[in-house]
N, C-alpha and C. Protein backbone atom coordinates (compact mmCIF):
# COMPACT_ATOMS: atom_id res chain seq x y z
N MET A 1 90.94 -43.20 221.73
CA MET A 1 89.67 -43.78 220.97
C MET A 1 91.27 -44.78 220.12
N ASN A 2 90.79 -45.70 219.66
CA ASN A 2 91.81 -46.71 219.17
C ASN A 2 91.31 -47.04 217.48
N ASP A 3 92.43 -46.25 216.74
CA ASP A 3 91.66 -46.27 215.27
C ASP A 3 92.03 -47.51 214.39
N VAL A 4 92.10 -49.10 214.86
CA VAL A 4 92.48 -50.07 214.58
C VAL A 4 90.58 -50.60 213.12
N LEU A 5 91.60 -50.91 211.82
CA LEU A 5 90.52 -50.93 211.37
C LEU A 5 89.99 -52.75 210.92
N ILE A 6 91.33 -53.28 210.14
CA ILE A 6 91.52 -54.75 210.07
C ILE A 6 92.93 -55.05 209.97
N PHE A 7 92.89 -56.42 210.65
CA PHE A 7 93.78 -56.82 209.86
C PHE A 7 94.99 -55.86 211.12
N GLY A 8 94.87 -55.33 212.22
CA GLY A 8 95.34 -53.98 212.75
C GLY A 8 96.16 -53.30 212.61
N LEU A 9 95.44 -52.83 211.33
CA LEU A 9 95.86 -51.52 210.88
C LEU A 9 95.35 -50.78 210.63
N THR A 10 95.79 -49.04 210.81
CA THR A 10 94.94 -47.65 211.09
C THR A 10 94.22 -47.47 209.51
N MET A 11 93.20 -46.42 209.73
CA MET A 11 93.46 -46.49 208.33
C MET A 11 94.46 -45.79 207.56
N ALA A 12 94.97 -44.46 207.91
CA ALA A 12 96.45 -43.76 207.00
C ALA A 12 96.94 -45.18 207.00
N GLU A 13 97.52 -46.14 207.42
CA GLU A 13 98.41 -47.59 207.08
C GLU A 13 97.72 -48.29 205.54
N PHE A 14 96.06 -48.69 205.97
CA PHE A 14 95.38 -49.22 204.91
C PHE A 14 95.41 -48.38 203.35
N GLU A 15 95.13 -47.28 203.76
CA GLU A 15 94.95 -46.18 202.88
C GLU A 15 96.35 -46.92 202.29
N ASP A 16 97.14 -46.42 202.66
CA ASP A 16 99.08 -46.54 201.77
C ASP A 16 99.19 -47.06 201.55
N ILE A 17 98.39 -48.75 201.87
CA ILE A 17 99.39 -49.91 201.33
C ILE A 17 98.27 -50.01 200.03
N SER A 18 96.55 -50.12 200.10
CA SER A 18 96.21 -49.72 199.39
C SER A 18 96.52 -49.20 198.21
N LEU A 19 97.00 -47.89 198.64
CA LEU A 19 96.98 -47.02 196.92
C LEU A 19 98.15 -47.69 196.39
N LYS A 20 99.57 -47.63 197.50
CA LYS A 20 100.47 -48.78 196.24
C LYS A 20 100.18 -49.87 195.61
N VAL A 21 99.44 -50.75 196.26
CA VAL A 21 98.61 -51.93 195.44
C VAL A 21 98.21 -51.79 194.45
N CYS A 22 96.86 -51.02 194.57
CA CYS A 22 95.72 -50.69 193.54
C CYS A 22 96.19 -49.55 192.22
N LEU A 23 97.62 -48.90 192.78
CA LEU A 23 97.87 -47.87 191.29
C LEU A 23 98.95 -48.57 191.05
N GLY A 24 99.74 -49.73 191.48
CA GLY A 24 100.53 -50.43 191.00
C GLY A 24 100.11 -51.43 189.84
N ALA A 25 98.84 -52.45 190.01
CA ALA A 25 97.97 -52.83 189.14
C ALA A 25 97.61 -52.40 188.10
N LEU A 26 96.73 -51.01 188.42
CA LEU A 26 96.65 -50.34 187.08
C LEU A 26 97.47 -49.84 186.31
N ILE A 27 98.64 -49.26 186.82
CA ILE A 27 100.04 -49.40 185.70
C ILE A 27 100.14 -50.59 185.59
N LEU A 28 100.08 -51.88 185.74
CA LEU A 28 100.63 -53.04 185.23
C LEU A 28 99.54 -53.54 184.38
N TYR A 29 98.46 -53.07 184.35
CA TYR A 29 97.16 -53.33 183.36
C TYR A 29 96.93 -52.26 182.27
N MET A 30 97.60 -51.03 182.56
CA MET A 30 97.91 -49.57 181.72
C MET A 30 98.68 -50.46 180.62
N MET A 31 100.55 -51.32 180.89
CA MET A 31 101.08 -51.23 180.10
C MET A 31 100.52 -52.32 179.26
N PHE A 32 99.84 -53.04 180.03
CA PHE A 32 99.27 -54.35 178.88
C PHE A 32 98.73 -53.86 177.84
N ILE A 33 97.75 -52.89 178.19
CA ILE A 33 96.83 -51.99 177.38
C ILE A 33 97.61 -51.71 176.24
N ILE A 34 98.70 -50.94 176.72
CA ILE A 34 99.53 -50.14 175.53
C ILE A 34 100.65 -51.15 174.50
N TRP A 35 100.74 -52.72 175.22
CA TRP A 35 101.06 -53.54 174.67
C TRP A 35 100.44 -54.34 173.31
N ASN A 36 98.77 -54.17 173.93
CA ASN A 36 97.99 -54.90 173.11
C ASN A 36 98.00 -53.88 172.01
N LEU A 37 97.82 -52.39 172.09
CA LEU A 37 97.46 -51.32 171.52
C LEU A 37 98.43 -51.79 169.69
N GLY A 38 99.71 -52.24 170.63
CA GLY A 38 100.78 -52.11 169.53
C GLY A 38 100.92 -53.43 168.66
N LYS A 39 100.62 -54.32 169.47
CA LYS A 39 100.64 -55.94 168.95
C LYS A 39 99.19 -55.42 167.47
N GLU A 40 97.79 -54.71 168.33
CA GLU A 40 97.15 -54.43 167.20
C GLU A 40 97.43 -54.13 166.22
N SER A 41 98.19 -52.75 166.30
CA SER A 41 97.92 -51.91 165.28
C SER A 41 99.38 -52.09 164.30
N LYS A 42 100.29 -53.14 164.82
CA LYS A 42 101.70 -53.80 164.28
C LYS A 42 102.26 -53.31 164.13
N ALA A 43 102.71 -51.63 165.45
CA ALA A 43 103.81 -51.42 164.94
C ALA A 43 105.20 -51.21 165.13
N GLY A 44 105.92 -52.65 165.82
CA GLY A 44 107.14 -53.16 165.21
C GLY A 44 107.56 -53.10 166.83
N LYS A 45 109.00 -53.31 166.47
CA LYS A 45 109.88 -53.07 167.85
C LYS A 45 109.90 -51.44 167.89
N TYR A 46 110.09 -50.44 166.87
CA TYR A 46 111.01 -49.20 166.94
C TYR A 46 109.45 -48.33 167.36
N GLY A 47 107.72 -49.18 167.13
CA GLY A 47 107.06 -48.48 166.89
C GLY A 47 106.30 -48.64 168.49
N MET A 48 107.02 -49.55 169.16
CA MET A 48 106.04 -50.39 170.51
C MET A 48 106.85 -49.67 171.15
N MET A 49 108.33 -49.18 170.90
CA MET A 49 109.39 -48.72 172.54
C MET A 49 108.55 -47.12 172.54
N TRP A 50 108.19 -46.60 170.87
CA TRP A 50 107.68 -45.25 171.44
C TRP A 50 106.35 -44.93 171.89
N MET A 51 105.64 -45.93 171.98
CA MET A 51 104.23 -46.18 172.27
C MET A 51 104.76 -46.22 173.50
N PHE A 52 105.33 -46.98 174.32
CA PHE A 52 105.81 -46.94 175.53
C PHE A 52 106.67 -46.17 176.43
N ILE A 53 107.41 -45.14 175.30
CA ILE A 53 107.55 -44.14 175.44
C ILE A 53 107.14 -42.87 176.12
N GLY A 54 106.16 -42.42 175.45
CA GLY A 54 105.17 -41.75 174.91
C GLY A 54 103.54 -41.90 176.19
N LEU A 55 103.34 -43.26 175.67
CA LEU A 55 102.14 -43.04 176.69
C LEU A 55 102.73 -44.03 178.53
N GLY A 56 103.86 -44.13 178.36
CA GLY A 56 104.57 -44.40 179.27
C GLY A 56 105.12 -43.47 180.42
N VAL A 57 104.81 -41.94 180.27
CA VAL A 57 105.84 -41.27 180.72
C VAL A 57 105.14 -41.02 182.41
N GLY A 58 104.06 -41.07 182.79
CA GLY A 58 103.00 -40.59 183.74
C GLY A 58 103.86 -42.46 184.43
N PHE A 59 103.86 -43.10 184.25
CA PHE A 59 104.39 -44.01 185.37
C PHE A 59 105.33 -43.26 185.60
N VAL A 60 106.60 -43.28 184.83
CA VAL A 60 107.10 -43.30 184.96
C VAL A 60 108.03 -42.24 186.85
N GLY A 61 107.07 -41.46 186.36
CA GLY A 61 106.93 -39.71 187.51
C GLY A 61 106.20 -40.65 188.75
N PHE A 62 105.33 -41.43 188.38
CA PHE A 62 104.74 -41.84 190.04
C PHE A 62 106.36 -42.87 190.57
N VAL A 63 106.04 -43.83 190.11
CA VAL A 63 107.43 -44.26 190.20
C VAL A 63 108.92 -43.95 190.57
N ALA A 64 109.03 -42.59 190.14
CA ALA A 64 110.38 -41.68 190.69
C ALA A 64 110.37 -41.22 192.07
N LYS A 65 108.82 -40.55 191.90
CA LYS A 65 108.30 -40.08 192.94
C LYS A 65 108.62 -40.83 194.70
N GLY A 66 108.17 -41.59 194.35
CA GLY A 66 107.95 -42.92 195.71
C GLY A 66 109.79 -43.28 195.52
N VAL A 67 110.60 -43.78 194.66
CA VAL A 67 112.09 -43.96 194.51
C VAL A 67 112.70 -42.52 195.49
N ILE A 68 112.57 -41.48 195.26
CA ILE A 68 112.83 -40.18 195.73
C ILE A 68 112.74 -40.16 197.17
N GLN A 69 111.35 -40.41 197.57
CA GLN A 69 110.83 -40.20 198.52
C GLN A 69 111.81 -41.18 199.60
N LYS A 70 111.52 -42.58 199.37
CA LYS A 70 112.65 -43.78 200.21
C LYS A 70 114.12 -43.20 200.06
N LEU A 71 114.61 -42.81 198.67
CA LEU A 71 116.10 -42.00 199.50
C LEU A 71 116.05 -41.03 199.71
N LEU A 72 115.32 -40.12 200.34
CA LEU A 72 115.27 -38.84 201.15
C LEU A 72 114.75 -38.83 202.37
N GLY A 73 114.01 -39.90 202.53
CA GLY A 73 113.71 -40.67 203.94
C GLY A 73 112.41 -39.58 204.34
N ILE A 74 111.43 -39.30 203.02
CA ILE A 74 110.66 -38.45 203.32
C ILE A 74 109.55 -39.32 203.71
N GLU A 75 109.20 -40.58 203.29
CA GLU A 75 108.28 -40.96 203.10
C GLU A 75 108.00 -41.08 204.91
């Protein structure tokens, strides 16, 4: 049985690509929300830095996981 979904991709390939694209877009949108929150609250440069550090720690973990998988050849 051939599991071709669309554009010649299997279901697993489609899920892998869509996860990276959609989650990447979600991360960019959330970074925009953090930036907008800092701008609206007039946090300044130092406050904005801490907002990005405090609220953006989860992004770093997701990106680091992908980089570590590429470096170790696990993917």
